[in-house]
Amino acid sequence: MADPTVHTKLEDAQALAYGCTMAAFGITVLTHLGLVTGQTAGLAVLISYATGWGFAPVFFAINIPFYWLGYRRMGPAFTLKTFLSVALMSALAQVMPQWISFAHLHPAFGAVLFGLTSGSALLALFRHGASLGGIGILALYLQDKTGFRAGWTQLAFDAVLFAVALALRDWHLVAWSFLGALVVNLVIAINHRRDRYLAT
């Protein structure tokens, strides 16, 4: 019998498909409302707003430098899964606005909806040895090299990102955005426990 503590390739595939779909839906909600978020996705959203470039190609391009760090810190399996996840999420985020639209969506509910869907997406990816790349990988790499805690790196990056957002977006949109980012982090903080997961 197969080892029950190891994910099958089919289980990994469905988790990546679920995670990328939910992450793309979250970004669709976020950008529909003109909100922002943290980490690499937030940087891509801000660049998209400032330049008019699409979120999907910007997000895909921003992640390219991080794969080398991911390979060194997490290994080839993680890096491959992360690359596939970023590519699929980018593709879905590009086409999803053509598939769904919102007649009315209150920013408060939209921010919470973004947080819940994005949090569940990241949990699925984490559980199956993948991520959506970016600053989290850099933070872990810096922690290994310097001892500076990864959480502080991510917090500092997000603080700068939201400060820039205040210069580009209305303050009330940034306030709702903060709510969405808070929900994402709460979902992950409460539910993400490596010792509860099966091996990948």
Protein backbone atom coordinates (compact mmCIF):
# COMPACT_ATOMS: atom_id res chain seq x y z
CA MET A 1 0.00 0.00 0.00
CA ALA A 2 1.07 3.58 -0.63
CA ASP A 3 2.54 5.50 2.29
CA PRO A 4 -0.41 7.48 3.75
CA THR A 5 1.93 10.24 4.95
CA VAL A 6 3.04 11.19 1.42
CA HIS A 7 1.04 13.20 -1.11
CA THR A 8 0.54 11.63 -4.51
CA LYS A 9 1.28 13.59 -7.68
CA LEU A 10 -2.47 13.78 -8.33
CA GLU A 11 -3.04 15.27 -4.87
CA ASP A 12 -0.26 17.79 -5.49
CA ALA A 13 -1.75 18.69 -8.88
CA GLN A 14 -5.24 19.33 -7.52
CA ALA A 15 -3.83 21.38 -4.63
CA LEU A 16 -1.82 23.57 -6.98
CA ALA A 17 -4.83 23.96 -9.28
CA TYR A 18 -7.05 24.92 -6.33
CA GLY A 19 -4.50 27.27 -4.81
CA CYS A 20 -3.76 29.07 -8.06
CA THR A 21 -7.46 29.43 -8.92
CA MET A 22 -8.33 30.87 -5.52
CA ALA A 23 -5.30 33.18 -5.59
CA ALA A 24 -6.27 34.46 -9.05
CA PHE A 25 -9.85 35.01 -7.87
CA GLY A 26 -8.55 36.96 -4.88
CA ILE A 27 -6.44 39.18 -7.15
CA THR A 28 -9.46 39.71 -9.42
CA VAL A 29 -11.48 40.93 -6.43
CA LEU A 30 -8.60 43.07 -5.20
CA THR A 31 -7.90 44.84 -8.49
CA HIS A 32 -11.61 45.27 -9.27
CA LEU A 33 -11.87 47.36 -6.11
CA GLY A 34 -8.56 49.17 -6.67
CA LEU A 35 -7.10 47.77 -3.46
CA VAL A 36 -3.54 46.70 -2.74
CA THR A 37 -1.90 43.96 -0.71
CA GLY A 38 1.49 42.97 0.65
CA GLN A 39 4.41 40.85 -0.50
CA THR A 40 5.27 40.21 -4.16
CA ALA A 41 1.66 40.27 -5.31
CA GLY A 42 1.26 43.70 -3.72
CA LEU A 43 4.34 45.00 -5.51
CA ALA A 44 2.99 43.70 -8.82
CA VAL A 45 -0.41 45.31 -8.15
CA LEU A 46 1.19 48.69 -7.38
CA ILE A 47 3.34 48.54 -10.51
CA SER A 48 0.25 47.62 -12.50
CA TYR A 49 -1.69 50.61 -11.14
CA ALA A 50 1.23 53.02 -11.69
CA THR A 51 2.11 51.91 -15.22
CA GLY A 52 -1.07 50.47 -16.68
CA TRP A 53 0.70 47.17 -17.32
CA GLY A 54 -1.27 44.02 -16.59
CA PHE A 55 -0.86 42.39 -13.19
CA ALA A 56 -0.20 38.93 -14.63
CA PRO A 57 2.96 39.63 -16.69
CA VAL A 58 4.35 41.92 -13.98
CA PHE A 59 3.80 39.30 -11.27
CA PHE A 60 5.38 36.57 -13.39
CA ALA A 61 8.43 38.74 -14.21
CA ILE A 62 8.98 39.93 -10.63
CA ASN A 63 9.21 36.35 -9.41
CA ILE A 64 11.93 35.25 -11.84
CA PRO A 65 14.93 36.35 -9.69
CA PHE A 66 13.59 34.50 -6.67
CA TYR A 67 13.69 31.01 -8.18
CA TRP A 68 17.45 30.74 -7.70
CA LEU A 69 17.04 31.57 -4.02
CA GLY A 70 14.18 29.09 -3.79
CA TYR A 71 16.33 26.39 -5.35
CA ARG A 72 19.16 27.02 -2.87
CA ARG A 73 16.90 27.33 0.19
CA MET A 74 14.10 24.85 -0.55
CA GLY A 75 15.41 22.52 -3.26
CA PRO A 76 14.37 21.62 -6.81
CA ALA A 77 10.93 20.16 -6.06
CA PHE A 78 9.79 23.30 -4.24
CA THR A 79 11.22 25.55 -6.95
CA LEU A 80 9.51 23.64 -9.76
CA LYS A 81 6.16 23.61 -7.98
CA THR A 82 6.49 27.31 -7.20
CA PHE A 83 7.36 28.15 -10.81
CA LEU A 84 4.33 26.20 -12.05
CA SER A 85 2.12 27.86 -9.43
CA VAL A 86 3.26 31.37 -10.35
CA ALA A 87 2.80 30.64 -14.06
CA LEU A 88 -0.69 29.17 -13.59
CA MET A 89 -1.81 31.90 -11.22
CA SER A 90 -0.55 34.56 -13.63
CA ALA A 91 -2.40 32.96 -16.54
CA LEU A 92 -5.64 32.67 -14.55
CA ALA A 93 -5.36 36.24 -13.25
CA GLN A 94 -5.01 37.41 -16.86
CA VAL A 95 -8.20 35.71 -18.11
CA MET A 96 -10.41 35.62 -15.02
CA PRO A 97 -11.74 39.21 -15.36
CA GLN A 98 -13.25 38.06 -18.67
CA TRP A 99 -15.08 35.24 -16.89
CA ILE A 100 -16.57 37.06 -13.90
CA SER A 101 -17.79 40.55 -13.11
CA PHE A 102 -19.32 42.29 -10.10
CA ALA A 103 -22.42 44.47 -10.27
CA HIS A 104 -21.78 45.59 -6.70
CA LEU A 105 -19.06 44.68 -4.24
CA HIS A 106 -18.55 46.66 -1.04
CA PRO A 107 -14.84 47.32 -0.36
CA ALA A 108 -15.05 45.98 3.20
CA PHE A 109 -16.56 42.66 2.12
CA GLY A 110 -14.29 42.54 -0.92
CA ALA A 111 -11.22 43.00 1.28
CA VAL A 112 -12.33 40.18 3.59
CA LEU A 113 -13.23 37.96 0.62
CA PHE A 114 -9.79 38.59 -0.86
CA GLY A 115 -8.17 37.72 2.47
CA LEU A 116 -10.10 34.48 2.89
CA THR A 117 -9.60 33.20 -0.66
CA SER A 118 -5.93 34.20 -0.76
CA GLY A 119 -5.27 32.71 2.66
CA SER A 120 -6.84 29.39 1.70
CA ALA A 121 -4.93 29.43 -1.59
CA LEU A 122 -1.60 29.89 0.16
CA LEU A 123 -2.40 27.19 2.71
CA ALA A 124 -3.08 24.69 -0.09
CA LEU A 125 0.17 25.59 -1.82
CA PHE A 126 2.23 25.51 1.40
CA ARG A 127 0.80 22.14 2.36
CA HIS A 128 1.93 20.67 -0.95
CA GLY A 129 5.43 22.13 -0.98
CA ALA A 130 4.86 25.18 -3.18
CA SER A 131 4.38 28.93 -2.85
CA LEU A 132 3.72 31.97 -5.00
CA GLY A 133 7.38 32.93 -4.75
CA GLY A 134 8.83 36.31 -4.01
CA ILE A 135 9.60 38.05 -0.77
CA GLY A 136 8.91 35.05 1.44
CA ILE A 137 11.74 33.14 -0.24
CA LEU A 138 14.08 36.12 0.07
CA ALA A 139 13.16 36.50 3.74
CA LEU A 140 14.01 32.86 4.48
CA TYR A 141 17.27 33.15 2.56
CA LEU A 142 18.30 36.26 4.50
CA GLN A 143 17.38 34.55 7.76
CA ASP A 144 19.71 31.67 6.89
CA LYS A 145 22.54 33.99 5.91
CA THR A 146 22.27 36.74 8.52
CA GLY A 147 20.01 35.49 11.30
CA PHE A 148 17.57 38.35 10.70
CA ARG A 149 14.13 36.84 11.19
CA ALA A 150 12.08 36.21 8.06
CA GLY A 151 8.93 37.65 9.61
CA TRP A 152 10.65 40.99 10.22
CA THR A 153 11.85 41.15 6.61
CA GLN A 154 8.34 40.54 5.34
CA LEU A 155 6.88 43.07 7.77
CA ALA A 156 9.40 45.73 6.73
CA PHE A 157 8.72 45.11 3.05
CA ASP A 158 4.95 45.39 3.56
CA ALA A 159 5.35 48.58 5.61
CA VAL A 160 7.25 50.22 2.75
CA LEU A 161 4.75 48.87 0.22
CA PHE A 162 1.75 50.33 2.06
CA ALA A 163 3.57 53.64 2.54
CA VAL A 164 4.06 53.83 -1.23
CA ALA A 165 0.42 52.82 -1.73
CA LEU A 166 -0.66 55.85 0.29
CA ALA A 167 1.09 58.04 -2.26
CA LEU A 168 -0.64 56.33 -5.19
CA ARG A 169 -4.11 55.39 -3.90
CA ASP A 170 -6.81 57.09 -1.83
CA TRP A 171 -6.30 56.57 1.88
CA HIS A 172 -9.64 54.79 2.34
CA LEU A 173 -8.67 52.22 -0.31
CA VAL A 174 -5.40 51.63 1.52
CA ALA A 175 -7.34 51.22 4.78
CA TRP A 176 -9.58 48.54 3.25
CA SER A 177 -6.46 46.98 1.74
CA PHE A 178 -4.92 46.71 5.19
CA LEU A 179 -8.01 44.81 6.33
CA GLY A 180 -7.58 42.34 3.47
CA ALA A 181 -3.89 41.83 4.24
CA LEU A 182 -4.74 41.30 7.91
CA VAL A 183 -7.26 38.59 7.05
CA VAL A 184 -4.73 36.79 4.81
CA ASN A 185 -2.16 36.76 7.59
CA LEU A 186 -4.67 35.66 10.23
CA VAL A 187 -5.82 32.73 8.07
CA ILE A 188 -2.23 31.59 7.62
CA ALA A 189 -1.17 32.24 11.23
CA ILE A 190 -4.10 30.27 12.65
CA ASN A 191 -4.10 27.38 10.18
CA HIS A 192 -0.53 26.89 8.97
CA ARG A 193 1.26 24.26 11.04
CA ARG A 194 3.96 22.21 9.34
CA ASP A 195 3.63 19.36 11.84
CA ARG A 196 -0.02 18.88 10.90
CA TYR A 197 0.71 18.31 7.22
CA LEU A 198 1.52 15.21 5.26
CA ALA A 199 4.93 14.99 3.63
CA THR A 200 5.39 16.04 0.00
